[in-house]
Each structure stands twice: as structure tokens, then as C-alpha cells.
Amino acid sequence: MTSPAVMATLQVVVLVLVAAGAVLVVRTRERVRLVIALSVYGMLLAILFFVFQAPDVTLSELAVGAIALPLILLLAIAKVRKPE
């Protein structure tokens, strides 16, 4: 069993990573890189939920935020991209 101090430190580290990931998503301008950053952000959120002991929300975030949403966005970008 981990001590409360270790868990609190881990939670703070993951929260800082999630905040940094959010800034990365907002600052990214190129569409494909934005989708990749969004997928990484979804993975960070899943890790955050796991650290806060919410496994059901973790699985939902993995399925939707880290896999399904980026896939849908990449397909939409490929569909509307004009031939050069």
C-alpha cells in the first residue's frame, strides 16, 4: 500500500502534466499535430482519473478521449483536406 504522501505527490505531478497538456493543445496550430496533442491530452486525463481512483471514468476517457475522438477528427481532416 502506498503512503498518503506518495499519492498526494503523484496527484500533484499528474495535475501539472494535465495543465501542461491543456496549454499544448490550445497553443498548437497545425491540425494534425493538434489531434495528436489532443490524443496525448486524453491519455493524460485517463491517467489523472486512474490516480484519483476512478477506474470506470478512466476506461471511458481512454475509449473516447484518447482513441475515438482523435480518430474521428483525423478522418474529418482527411475528408475536407483539399488536394494540393
N, C-alpha and C. Protein backbone atom coordinates (compact mmCIF):
# COMPACT_ATOMS: atom_id res chain seq x y z
N MET A 1 0.85 -1.17 0.00
CA MET A 1 0.00 0.00 0.00
C MET A 1 0.89 1.24 0.00
N THR A 2 0.53 2.21 -0.78
CA THR A 2 1.32 3.44 -0.85
C THR A 2 0.88 4.41 0.24
N SER A 3 1.83 5.21 0.66
CA SER A 3 1.52 6.17 1.72
C SER A 3 0.75 7.36 1.15
N PRO A 4 0.02 8.07 1.99
CA PRO A 4 -0.74 9.24 1.51
C PRO A 4 0.15 10.33 0.93
N ALA A 5 1.37 10.48 1.43
CA ALA A 5 2.28 11.50 0.91
C ALA A 5 2.70 11.17 -0.52
N VAL A 6 2.95 9.90 -0.79
CA VAL A 6 3.33 9.49 -2.14
C VAL A 6 2.16 9.71 -3.10
N MET A 7 0.96 9.35 -2.68
CA MET A 7 -0.22 9.54 -3.53
C MET A 7 -0.49 11.02 -3.79
N ALA A 8 -0.32 11.85 -2.77
CA ALA A 8 -0.53 13.28 -2.95
C ALA A 8 0.48 13.86 -3.92
N THR A 9 1.71 13.42 -3.83
CA THR A 9 2.76 13.89 -4.76
C THR A 9 2.45 13.44 -6.18
N LEU A 10 2.05 12.19 -6.33
CA LEU A 10 1.69 11.67 -7.65
C LEU A 10 0.52 12.44 -8.24
N GLN A 11 -0.47 12.76 -7.43
CA GLN A 11 -1.62 13.52 -7.91
C GLN A 11 -1.22 14.91 -8.36
N VAL A 12 -0.34 15.56 -7.61
CA VAL A 12 0.11 16.90 -7.99
C VAL A 12 0.90 16.84 -9.30
N VAL A 13 1.77 15.85 -9.44
CA VAL A 13 2.56 15.72 -10.67
C VAL A 13 1.65 15.50 -11.87
N VAL A 14 0.67 14.63 -11.74
CA VAL A 14 -0.24 14.36 -12.85
C VAL A 14 -1.09 15.60 -13.16
N LEU A 15 -1.53 16.32 -12.14
CA LEU A 15 -2.29 17.55 -12.38
C LEU A 15 -1.47 18.58 -13.14
N VAL A 16 -0.18 18.70 -12.81
CA VAL A 16 0.69 19.63 -13.53
C VAL A 16 0.86 19.19 -14.98
N LEU A 17 1.01 17.88 -15.20
CA LEU A 17 1.13 17.37 -16.58
C LEU A 17 -0.15 17.62 -17.37
N VAL A 18 -1.30 17.45 -16.74
CA VAL A 18 -2.57 17.72 -17.42
C VAL A 18 -2.68 19.21 -17.78
N ALA A 19 -2.28 20.07 -16.87
CA ALA A 19 -2.31 21.51 -17.15
C ALA A 19 -1.37 21.85 -18.31
N ALA A 20 -0.18 21.26 -18.31
CA ALA A 20 0.77 21.49 -19.41
C ALA A 20 0.20 20.95 -20.73
N GLY A 21 -0.46 19.80 -20.67
CA GLY A 21 -1.07 19.24 -21.87
C GLY A 21 -2.18 20.12 -22.42
N ALA A 22 -2.95 20.73 -21.52
CA ALA A 22 -4.02 21.63 -21.96
C ALA A 22 -3.44 22.85 -22.66
N VAL A 23 -2.35 23.39 -22.12
CA VAL A 23 -1.70 24.53 -22.77
C VAL A 23 -1.17 24.12 -24.13
N LEU A 24 -0.59 22.93 -24.23
CA LEU A 24 -0.09 22.43 -25.51
C LEU A 24 -1.21 22.32 -26.54
N VAL A 25 -2.35 21.81 -26.13
CA VAL A 25 -3.48 21.66 -27.06
C VAL A 25 -3.95 23.04 -27.55
N VAL A 26 -4.04 24.00 -26.64
CA VAL A 26 -4.53 25.33 -27.01
C VAL A 26 -3.53 26.05 -27.91
N ARG A 27 -2.24 25.84 -27.69
CA ARG A 27 -1.22 26.57 -28.44
C ARG A 27 -0.89 25.95 -29.80
N THR A 28 -1.30 24.72 -30.05
CA THR A 28 -0.98 24.05 -31.30
C THR A 28 -1.86 24.58 -32.42
N ARG A 29 -1.26 24.88 -33.56
CA ARG A 29 -2.00 25.47 -34.68
C ARG A 29 -2.24 24.50 -35.83
N GLU A 30 -1.29 23.63 -36.12
CA GLU A 30 -1.45 22.70 -37.24
C GLU A 30 -2.45 21.61 -36.86
N ARG A 31 -3.35 21.30 -37.78
CA ARG A 31 -4.47 20.42 -37.46
C ARG A 31 -4.07 19.02 -37.04
N VAL A 32 -3.18 18.39 -37.78
CA VAL A 32 -2.80 17.02 -37.46
C VAL A 32 -2.05 16.97 -36.13
N ARG A 33 -1.16 17.92 -35.91
CA ARG A 33 -0.46 17.97 -34.63
C ARG A 33 -1.43 18.25 -33.49
N LEU A 34 -2.45 19.04 -33.76
CA LEU A 34 -3.46 19.32 -32.75
C LEU A 34 -4.20 18.05 -32.34
N VAL A 35 -4.52 17.22 -33.31
CA VAL A 35 -5.22 15.97 -33.00
C VAL A 35 -4.31 15.04 -32.19
N ILE A 36 -3.03 15.01 -32.53
CA ILE A 36 -2.08 14.19 -31.77
C ILE A 36 -1.97 14.73 -30.34
N ALA A 37 -1.87 16.05 -30.21
CA ALA A 37 -1.79 16.66 -28.87
C ALA A 37 -3.08 16.38 -28.09
N LEU A 38 -4.21 16.41 -28.77
CA LEU A 38 -5.48 16.11 -28.10
C LEU A 38 -5.54 14.66 -27.63
N SER A 39 -4.98 13.76 -28.41
CA SER A 39 -4.94 12.36 -28.02
C SER A 39 -4.04 12.17 -26.79
N VAL A 40 -2.89 12.83 -26.79
CA VAL A 40 -1.99 12.77 -25.63
C VAL A 40 -2.68 13.36 -24.41
N TYR A 41 -3.41 14.45 -24.61
CA TYR A 41 -4.14 15.07 -23.51
C TYR A 41 -5.21 14.12 -22.96
N GLY A 42 -5.89 13.41 -23.84
CA GLY A 42 -6.87 12.42 -23.40
C GLY A 42 -6.23 11.30 -22.59
N MET A 43 -5.03 10.91 -23.00
CA MET A 43 -4.30 9.89 -22.24
C MET A 43 -3.89 10.42 -20.87
N LEU A 44 -3.45 11.67 -20.82
CA LEU A 44 -3.11 12.28 -19.53
C LEU A 44 -4.33 12.37 -18.61
N LEU A 45 -5.47 12.71 -19.18
CA LEU A 45 -6.69 12.74 -18.38
C LEU A 45 -7.05 11.36 -17.85
N ALA A 46 -6.86 10.34 -18.68
CA ALA A 46 -7.14 8.97 -18.22
C ALA A 46 -6.21 8.60 -17.07
N ILE A 47 -4.94 8.98 -17.18
CA ILE A 47 -4.00 8.72 -16.09
C ILE A 47 -4.43 9.48 -14.83
N LEU A 48 -4.87 10.71 -15.01
CA LEU A 48 -5.34 11.51 -13.88
C LEU A 48 -6.52 10.83 -13.18
N PHE A 49 -7.48 10.36 -13.95
CA PHE A 49 -8.63 9.68 -13.36
C PHE A 49 -8.21 8.40 -12.65
N PHE A 50 -7.23 7.70 -13.22
CA PHE A 50 -6.74 6.48 -12.59
C PHE A 50 -6.06 6.79 -11.26
N VAL A 51 -5.26 7.85 -11.24
CA VAL A 51 -4.57 8.24 -10.00
C VAL A 51 -5.57 8.64 -8.92
N PHE A 52 -6.67 9.26 -9.34
CA PHE A 52 -7.71 9.65 -8.38
C PHE A 52 -8.69 8.51 -8.11
N GLN A 53 -8.33 7.31 -8.51
CA GLN A 53 -9.06 6.07 -8.22
C GLN A 53 -10.48 6.06 -8.77
N ALA A 54 -10.58 6.39 -10.07
CA ALA A 54 -11.87 6.31 -10.76
C ALA A 54 -11.68 5.45 -12.02
N PRO A 55 -11.60 4.13 -11.85
CA PRO A 55 -11.29 3.27 -12.99
C PRO A 55 -12.36 3.26 -14.08
N ASP A 56 -13.63 3.43 -13.72
CA ASP A 56 -14.68 3.45 -14.73
C ASP A 56 -14.56 4.68 -15.62
N VAL A 57 -14.25 5.82 -15.03
CA VAL A 57 -14.06 7.04 -15.81
C VAL A 57 -12.79 6.94 -16.64
N THR A 58 -11.78 6.26 -16.10
CA THR A 58 -10.53 6.05 -16.83
C THR A 58 -10.79 5.29 -18.12
N LEU A 59 -11.54 4.22 -18.04
CA LEU A 59 -11.84 3.43 -19.23
C LEU A 59 -12.64 4.22 -20.26
N SER A 60 -13.59 5.01 -19.79
CA SER A 60 -14.38 5.84 -20.70
C SER A 60 -13.50 6.88 -21.38
N GLU A 61 -12.61 7.50 -20.63
CA GLU A 61 -11.72 8.52 -21.21
C GLU A 61 -10.76 7.90 -22.21
N LEU A 62 -10.27 6.70 -21.91
CA LEU A 62 -9.39 6.02 -22.87
C LEU A 62 -10.13 5.74 -24.17
N ALA A 63 -11.34 5.25 -24.06
CA ALA A 63 -12.09 4.89 -25.26
C ALA A 63 -12.50 6.11 -26.08
N VAL A 64 -12.95 7.14 -25.40
CA VAL A 64 -13.47 8.31 -26.11
C VAL A 64 -12.39 9.36 -26.35
N GLY A 65 -11.75 9.82 -25.28
CA GLY A 65 -10.84 10.95 -25.39
C GLY A 65 -9.50 10.63 -26.02
N ALA A 66 -9.00 9.43 -25.83
CA ALA A 66 -7.67 9.10 -26.36
C ALA A 66 -7.72 8.32 -27.66
N ILE A 67 -8.87 7.73 -27.99
CA ILE A 67 -8.93 6.90 -29.20
C ILE A 67 -10.00 7.38 -30.18
N ALA A 68 -11.25 7.40 -29.77
CA ALA A 68 -12.35 7.66 -30.70
C ALA A 68 -12.35 9.10 -31.23
N LEU A 69 -12.26 10.08 -30.35
CA LEU A 69 -12.31 11.47 -30.79
C LEU A 69 -11.15 11.82 -31.73
N PRO A 70 -9.89 11.48 -31.40
CA PRO A 70 -8.82 11.78 -32.35
C PRO A 70 -9.00 11.06 -33.69
N LEU A 71 -9.49 9.83 -33.66
CA LEU A 71 -9.71 9.10 -34.90
C LEU A 71 -10.77 9.78 -35.76
N ILE A 72 -11.86 10.20 -35.15
CA ILE A 72 -12.91 10.91 -35.88
C ILE A 72 -12.39 12.22 -36.45
N LEU A 73 -11.62 12.94 -35.66
CA LEU A 73 -11.06 14.22 -36.14
C LEU A 73 -10.08 14.01 -37.29
N LEU A 74 -9.24 12.99 -37.21
CA LEU A 74 -8.31 12.71 -38.32
C LEU A 74 -9.07 12.33 -39.58
N LEU A 75 -10.12 11.55 -39.45
CA LEU A 75 -10.93 11.20 -40.62
C LEU A 75 -11.61 12.43 -41.21
N ALA A 76 -12.09 13.32 -40.36
CA ALA A 76 -12.72 14.55 -40.85
C ALA A 76 -11.70 15.45 -41.55
N ILE A 77 -10.51 15.55 -41.01
CA ILE A 77 -9.46 16.37 -41.64
C ILE A 77 -9.10 15.78 -43.00
N ALA A 78 -8.97 14.46 -43.07
CA ALA A 78 -8.65 13.82 -44.35
C ALA A 78 -9.77 14.03 -45.37
N LYS A 79 -11.00 14.06 -44.90
CA LYS A 79 -12.15 14.22 -45.81
C LYS A 79 -12.23 15.63 -46.38
N VAL A 80 -11.95 16.63 -45.58
CA VAL A 80 -12.11 18.02 -46.04
C VAL A 80 -10.82 18.62 -46.60
N ARG A 81 -9.70 17.94 -46.46
CA ARG A 81 -8.44 18.46 -46.97
C ARG A 81 -8.49 18.56 -48.49
N LYS A 82 -8.11 19.70 -49.00
CA LYS A 82 -8.14 19.93 -50.45
C LYS A 82 -6.87 19.37 -51.08
N PRO A 83 -6.98 18.79 -52.27
CA PRO A 83 -5.78 18.31 -52.95
C PRO A 83 -4.89 19.49 -53.33
N GLU A 84 -3.59 19.28 -53.17
CA GLU A 84 -2.65 20.37 -53.44
C GLU A 84 -2.13 20.33 -54.84
